[in-house]
PDB file of N, CA and C in Angstrom:
ATOM      1  N   UNK A   1       0.876  -1.160   0.021  1.00  0.00           N
ATOM      2  CA  UNK A   1       0.005   0.006  -0.010  1.00  0.00           C
ATOM      3  C   UNK A   1       0.886   1.183  -0.017  1.00  0.00           C
ATOM      4  N   UNK A   2       0.746   2.099  -0.966  1.00  0.00           N
ATOM      5  CA  UNK A   2       1.649   3.332  -1.035  1.00  0.00           C
ATOM      6  C   UNK A   2       1.264   4.338  -0.015  1.00  0.00           C
ATOM      7  N   UNK A   3       2.351   5.046   0.474  1.00  0.00           N
ATOM      8  CA  UNK A   3       2.107   6.120   1.468  1.00  0.00           C
ATOM      9  C   UNK A   3       1.849   7.372   0.673  1.00  0.00           C
ATOM     10  N   UNK A   4       0.543   7.886   0.714  1.00  0.00           N
ATOM     11  CA  UNK A   4       0.171   9.043  -0.037  1.00  0.00           C
ATOM     12  C   UNK A   4       0.375  10.362   0.775  1.00  0.00           C
ATOM     13  N   UNK A   5       0.901  10.293   1.907  1.00  0.00           N
ATOM     14  CA  UNK A   5       1.072  11.480   2.743  1.00  0.00           C
ATOM     15  C   UNK A   5       2.292  12.284   2.341  1.00  0.00           C
ATOM     16  N   UNK A   6       3.321  11.583   1.802  1.00  0.00           N
ATOM     17  CA  UNK A   6       4.555  12.306   1.505  1.00  0.00           C
ATOM     18  C   UNK A   6       4.415  12.913   0.104  1.00  0.00           C
ATOM     19  N   UNK A   7       4.734  14.243   0.040  1.00  0.00           N
ATOM     20  CA  UNK A   7       4.727  14.922  -1.264  1.00  0.00           C
ATOM     21  C   UNK A   7       5.857  14.402  -2.177  1.00  0.00           C
ATOM     22  N   UNK A   8       6.972  13.922  -1.611  1.00  0.00           N
ATOM     23  CA  UNK A   8       8.081  13.434  -2.402  1.00  0.00           C
ATOM     24  C   UNK A   8       7.826  11.933  -2.620  1.00  0.00           C
ATOM     25  N   UNK A   9       7.402  11.541  -3.778  1.00  0.00           N
ATOM     26  CA  UNK A   9       7.047  10.084  -4.108  1.00  0.00           C
ATOM     27  C   UNK A   9       8.272   9.208  -4.384  1.00  0.00           C
ATOM     28  N   UNK A  10       9.524   9.787  -4.385  1.00  0.00           N
ATOM     29  CA  UNK A  10      10.634   9.100  -4.777  1.00  0.00           C
ATOM     30  C   UNK A  10      11.149   8.168  -3.646  1.00  0.00           C
ATOM     31  N   UNK A  11      10.700   8.299  -2.484  1.00  0.00           N
ATOM     32  CA  UNK A  11      11.063   7.431  -1.364  1.00  0.00           C
ATOM     33  C   UNK A  11      12.151   8.072  -0.491  1.00  0.00           C
ATOM     34  N   UNK A  12      12.751   9.232  -0.964  1.00  0.00           N
ATOM     35  CA  UNK A  12      13.809   9.857  -0.154  1.00  0.00           C
ATOM     36  C   UNK A  12      13.200  11.198   0.295  1.00  0.00           C
ATOM     37  N   UNK A  13      13.601  11.574   1.459  1.00  0.00           N
ATOM     38  CA  UNK A  13      13.156  12.815   2.056  1.00  0.00           C
ATOM     39  C   UNK A  13      14.198  13.949   1.886  1.00  0.00           C
ATOM     40  N   UNK A  14      13.736  15.093   1.626  1.00  0.00           N
ATOM     41  CA  UNK A  14      14.703  16.165   1.576  1.00  0.00           C
ATOM     42  C   UNK A  14      14.804  16.763   3.011  1.00  0.00           C
ATOM     43  N   UNK A  15      16.044  17.060   3.429  1.00  0.00           N
ATOM     44  CA  UNK A  15      16.259  17.625   4.700  1.00  0.00           C
ATOM     45  C   UNK A  15      15.668  19.040   4.841  1.00  0.00           C
ATOM     46  N   UNK A  16      15.271  19.456   6.035  1.00  0.00           N
ATOM     47  CA  UNK A  16      14.741  20.854   6.194  1.00  0.00           C
ATOM     48  C   UNK A  16      15.854  21.839   5.856  1.00  0.00           C
ATOM     49  N   UNK A  17      15.450  23.074   5.454  1.00  0.00           N
ATOM     50  CA  UNK A  17      16.423  24.049   5.144  1.00  0.00           C
ATOM     51  C   UNK A  17      17.372  24.334   6.320  1.00  0.00           C
ATOM     52  N   UNK A  18      18.587  24.559   6.105  1.00  0.00           N
ATOM     53  CA  UNK A  18      19.528  24.873   7.222  1.00  0.00           C
ATOM     54  C   UNK A  18      19.275  26.289   7.691  1.00  0.00           C
ATOM     55  N   UNK A  19      19.412  26.444   8.952  1.00  0.00           N
ATOM     56  CA  UNK A  19      19.176  27.739   9.616  1.00  0.00           C
ATOM     57  C   UNK A  19      20.574  28.416   9.772  1.00  0.00           C
ATOM     58  N   UNK A  20      20.962  29.122   8.745  1.00  0.00           N
ATOM     59  CA  UNK A  20      22.282  29.797   8.687  1.00  0.00           C
ATOM     60  C   UNK A  20      22.150  31.253   8.935  1.00  0.00           C
ATOM     61  N   UNK A  21      21.128  31.700   9.436  1.00  0.00           N
ATOM     62  CA  UNK A  21      20.905  33.154   9.593  1.00  0.00           C
ATOM     63  C   UNK A  21      21.497  33.638  10.944  1.00  0.00           C
ATOM     64  N   UNK A  22      22.795  33.783  10.980  1.00  0.00           N
ATOM     65  CA  UNK A  22      23.476  34.129  12.201  1.00  0.00           C
ATOM     66  C   UNK A  22      23.378  35.528  12.626  1.00  0.00           C
ATOM     67  N   UNK A  23      23.027  36.371  11.592  1.00  0.00           N
ATOM     68  CA  UNK A  23      23.091  37.880  11.837  1.00  0.00           C
ATOM     69  C   UNK A  23      21.688  38.251  12.478  1.00  0.00           C
ATOM     70  N   UNK A  24      20.692  37.503  12.425  1.00  0.00           N
ATOM     71  CA  UNK A  24      19.298  37.861  12.952  1.00  0.00           C
ATOM     72  C   UNK A  24      19.397  37.807  14.422  1.00  0.00           C
ATOM     73  N   UNK A  25      18.676  38.790  15.041  1.00  0.00           N
ATOM     74  CA  UNK A  25      18.646  38.790  16.546  1.00  0.00           C
ATOM     75  C   UNK A  25      17.471  37.892  16.957  1.00  0.00           C
ATOM     76  N   UNK A  26      17.667  37.125  18.092  1.00  0.00           N
ATOM     77  CA  UNK A  26      16.551  36.258  18.540  1.00  0.00           C
ATOM     78  C   UNK A  26      15.433  37.149  19.014  1.00  0.00           C
ATOM     79  N   UNK A  27      14.177  36.633  19.036  1.00  0.00           N
ATOM     80  CA  UNK A  27      13.034  37.498  19.454  1.00  0.00           C
ATOM     81  C   UNK A  27      13.219  37.789  20.894  1.00  0.00           C
ATOM     82  N   UNK A  28      12.960  39.053  21.249  1.00  0.00           N
ATOM     83  CA  UNK A  28      13.074  39.563  22.628  1.00  0.00           C
ATOM     84  C   UNK A  28      11.859  39.115  23.382  1.00  0.00           C
ATOM     85  N   UNK A  29      12.054  38.669  24.630  1.00  0.00           N
ATOM     86  CA  UNK A  29      10.975  38.315  25.476  1.00  0.00           C
ATOM     87  C   UNK A  29      10.976  39.314  26.649  1.00  0.00           C
ATOM     88  N   UNK A  30       9.764  39.636  27.024  1.00  0.00           N
ATOM     89  CA  UNK A  30       9.580  40.578  28.127  1.00  0.00           C
ATOM     90  C   UNK A  30       9.593  39.717  29.416  1.00  0.00           C
ATOM     91  N   UNK A  31      10.429  40.218  30.396  1.00  0.00           N
ATOM     92  CA  UNK A  31      10.502  39.432  31.642  1.00  0.00           C
ATOM     93  C   UNK A  31       9.310  39.927  32.515  1.00  0.00           C
ATOM     94  N   UNK A  32       8.818  38.994  33.306  1.00  0.00           N
ATOM     95  CA  UNK A  32       7.780  39.279  34.257  1.00  0.00           C
ATOM     96  C   UNK A  32       6.426  39.450  33.563  1.00  0.00           C
ATOM     97  N   UNK A  33       5.589  40.219  34.120  1.00  0.00           N
ATOM     98  CA  UNK A  33       4.227  40.405  33.655  1.00  0.00           C
ATOM     99  C   UNK A  33       4.073  41.801  32.992  1.00  0.00           C
ATOM    100  N   UNK A  34       3.032  41.946  32.147  1.00  0.00           N
ATOM    101  CA  UNK A  34       2.764  43.256  31.587  1.00  0.00           C
ATOM    102  C   UNK A  34       1.760  43.931  32.451  1.00  0.00           C
ATOM    103  N   UNK A  35       2.096  45.150  32.832  1.00  0.00           N
ATOM    104  CA  UNK A  35       1.196  45.923  33.576  1.00  0.00           C
ATOM    105  C   UNK A  35       0.086  46.456  32.796  1.00  0.00           C
ATOM    106  N   UNK A  36      -1.075  46.496  33.289  1.00  0.00           N
ATOM    107  CA  UNK A  36      -2.216  47.060  32.557  1.00  0.00           C
ATOM    108  C   UNK A  36      -2.270  48.518  32.751  1.00  0.00           C
ATOM    109  N   UNK A  37      -2.838  49.177  31.762  1.00  0.00           N
ATOM    110  CA  UNK A  37      -2.979  50.705  31.837  1.00  0.00           C
ATOM    111  C   UNK A  37      -4.033  51.033  32.814  1.00  0.00           C
ATOM    112  N   UNK A  38      -4.118  52.270  33.139  1.00  0.00           N
ATOM    113  CA  UNK A  38      -5.142  52.809  34.054  1.00  0.00           C
ATOM    114  C   UNK A  38      -6.519  52.531  33.484  1.00  0.00           C
ATOM    115  N   UNK A  39      -6.630  52.804  32.181  1.00  0.00           N
ATOM    116  CA  UNK A  39      -7.943  52.546  31.573  1.00  0.00           C
ATOM    117  C   UNK A  39      -8.423  51.099  31.552  1.00  0.00           C
ATOM    118  N   UNK A  40      -7.466  50.269  31.392  1.00  0.00           N
ATOM    119  CA  UNK A  40      -7.817  48.772  31.429  1.00  0.00           C
ATOM    120  C   UNK A  40      -8.225  48.403  32.837  1.00  0.00           C
ATOM    121  N   UNK A  41      -7.530  48.888  33.844  1.00  0.00           N
ATOM    122  CA  UNK A  41      -7.847  48.616  35.248  1.00  0.00           C
ATOM    123  C   UNK A  41      -9.236  49.083  35.570  1.00  0.00           C
ATOM    124  N   UNK A  42      -9.580  50.313  35.148  1.00  0.00           N
ATOM    125  CA  UNK A  42     -10.914  50.888  35.419  1.00  0.00           C
ATOM    126  C   UNK A  42     -12.021  50.098  34.751  1.00  0.00           C
ATOM    127  N   UNK A  43     -11.758  49.727  33.499  1.00  0.00           N
ATOM    128  CA  UNK A  43     -12.824  49.011  32.771  1.00  0.00           C
ATOM    129  C   UNK A  43     -12.976  47.626  33.360  1.00  0.00           C
ATOM    130  N   UNK A  44     -11.873  46.940  33.775  1.00  0.00           N
ATOM    131  CA  UNK A  44     -11.993  45.636  34.438  1.00  0.00           C
ATOM    132  C   UNK A  44     -12.734  45.735  35.728  1.00  0.00           C
ATOM    133  N   UNK A  45     -12.443  46.705  36.468  1.00  0.00           N
ATOM    134  CA  UNK A  45     -13.085  46.907  37.756  1.00  0.00           C
ATOM    135  C   UNK A  45     -14.628  47.136  37.608  1.00  0.00           C
ATOM    136  N   UNK A  46     -14.931  47.981  36.586  1.00  0.00           N
ATOM    137  CA  UNK A  46     -16.373  48.324  36.338  1.00  0.00           C
ATOM    138  C   UNK A  46     -17.076  47.043  35.862  1.00  0.00           C
ATOM    139  N   UNK A  47     -16.513  46.265  35.033  1.00  0.00           N
ATOM    140  CA  UNK A  47     -17.148  45.059  34.494  1.00  0.00           C
ATOM    141  C   UNK A  47     -17.358  44.061  35.625  1.00  0.00           C
ATOM    142  N   UNK A  48     -16.340  43.942  36.455  1.00  0.00           N
ATOM    143  CA  UNK A  48     -16.442  43.047  37.619  1.00  0.00           C
ATOM    144  C   UNK A  48     -17.551  43.463  38.547  1.00  0.00           C
ATOM    145  N   UNK A  49     -17.740  44.740  38.799  1.00  0.00           N
ATOM    146  CA  UNK A  49     -18.717  45.168  39.741  1.00  0.00           C
ATOM    147  C   UNK A  49     -20.119  44.962  39.175  1.00  0.00           C
ATOM    148  N   UNK A  50     -20.258  45.231  37.835  1.00  0.00           N
ATOM    149  CA  UNK A  50     -21.635  44.970  37.172  1.00  0.00           C
ATOM    150  C   UNK A  50     -21.931  43.415  37.236  1.00  0.00           C
ATOM    151  N   UNK A  51     -20.910  42.565  36.866  1.00  0.00           N
ATOM    152  CA  UNK A  51     -21.160  41.137  36.906  1.00  0.00           C
ATOM    153  C   UNK A  51     -21.482  40.693  38.332  1.00  0.00           C
ATOM    154  N   UNK A  52     -20.831  41.204  39.317  1.00  0.00           N
ATOM    155  CA  UNK A  52     -21.145  40.855  40.720  1.00  0.00           C
ATOM    156  C   UNK A  52     -22.506  41.216  41.044  1.00  0.00           C
ATOM    157  N   UNK A  53     -22.983  42.434  40.688  1.00  0.00           N
ATOM    158  CA  UNK A  53     -24.345  42.877  41.019  1.00  0.00           C
ATOM    159  C   UNK A  53     -25.386  41.988  40.302  1.00  0.00           C
ATOM    160  N   UNK A  54     -25.089  41.704  39.026  1.00  0.00           N
ATOM    161  CA  UNK A  54     -26.079  40.835  38.284  1.00  0.00           C
ATOM    162  C   UNK A  54     -26.161  39.466  38.856  1.00  0.00           C
ATOM    163  N   UNK A  55     -24.952  38.938  39.248  1.00  0.00           N
ATOM    164  CA  UNK A  55     -25.001  37.610  39.872  1.00  0.00           C
ATOM    165  C   UNK A  55     -25.700  37.580  41.200  1.00  0.00           C
ATOM    166  N   UNK A  56     -25.595  38.599  41.989  1.00  0.00           N
ATOM    167  CA  UNK A  56     -26.288  38.662  43.220  1.00  0.00           C
ATOM    168  C   UNK A  56     -27.800  38.762  42.878  1.00  0.00           C
ATOM    169  N   UNK A  57     -28.174  39.615  42.047  1.00  0.00           N
ATOM    170  CA  UNK A  57     -29.644  39.673  41.714  1.00  0.00           C
ATOM    171  C   UNK A  57     -30.144  38.346  41.204  1.00  0.00           C
ATOM    172  N   UNK A  58     -29.388  37.632  40.416  1.00  0.00           N
ATOM    173  CA  UNK A  58     -29.817  36.358  39.846  1.00  0.00           C
ATOM    174  C   UNK A  58     -29.970  35.306  41.001  1.00  0.00           C
ATOM    175  N   UNK A  59     -29.019  35.274  41.857  1.00  0.00           N
ATOM    176  CA  UNK A  59     -29.106  34.364  42.952  1.00  0.00           C
ATOM    177  C   UNK A  59     -30.322  34.657  43.873  1.00  0.00           C
ATOM    178  N   UNK A  60     -30.509  35.963  44.127  1.00  0.00           N
ATOM    179  CA  UNK A  60     -31.666  36.261  44.955  1.00  0.00           C
ATOM    180  C   UNK A  60     -32.990  35.993  44.308  1.00  0.00           C
ATOM    181  N   UNK A  61     -32.998  36.103  42.996  1.00  0.00           N
ATOM    182  CA  UNK A  61     -34.267  35.815  42.241  1.00  0.00           C
ATOM    183  C   UNK A  61     -34.496  34.344  42.261  1.00  0.00           C
ATOM    184  N   UNK A  62     -33.439  33.496  42.029  1.00  0.00           N
ATOM    185  CA  UNK A  62     -33.648  32.015  42.027  1.00  0.00           C
ATOM    186  C   UNK A  62     -34.005  31.528  43.459  1.00  0.00           C
ATOM    187  N   UNK A  63     -33.317  32.016  44.421  1.00  0.00           N
ATOM    188  CA  UNK A  63     -33.584  31.507  45.831  1.00  0.00           C
ATOM    189  C   UNK A  63     -34.880  32.030  46.309  1.00  0.00           C
ATOM    190  N   UNK A  64     -35.311  33.181  45.872  1.00  0.00           N
ATOM    191  CA  UNK A  64     -36.633  33.649  46.190  1.00  0.00           C
ATOM    192  C   UNK A  64     -37.752  32.899  45.704  1.00  0.00           C
ATOM    193  N   UNK A  65     -37.650  32.280  44.417  1.00  0.00           N
ATOM    194  CA  UNK A  65     -38.647  31.528  43.849  1.00  0.00           C
ATOM    195  C   UNK A  65     -38.747  30.097  44.453  1.00  0.00           C
ATOM    196  N   UNK A  66     -37.632  29.602  45.035  1.00  0.00           N
ATOM    197  CA  UNK A  66     -37.616  28.265  45.597  1.00  0.00           C
ATOM    198  C   UNK A  66     -38.246  28.213  46.883  1.00  0.00           C
ATOM    199  N   UNK A  67     -38.576  29.342  47.564  1.00  0.00           N
ATOM    200  CA  UNK A  67     -39.234  29.306  48.933  1.00  0.00           C
ATOM    201  C   UNK A  67     -40.676  28.867  48.855  1.00  0.00           C
TER     202      UNK A  67
END
């Protein structure tokens, strides 16, 4: 049964291209965590408070109907 997965049907594999790019700088990684901006912090806090309020209302509604 022939192997149809290989694009090279001759039975030999071509090696991957050599990585000879010695002049390129490696990608820089930031150490630690990224601080969020003031706007992001305000938006996150606002969304959390809204979600908390809605969750509280939902729980009170569900438990009130169960009585």
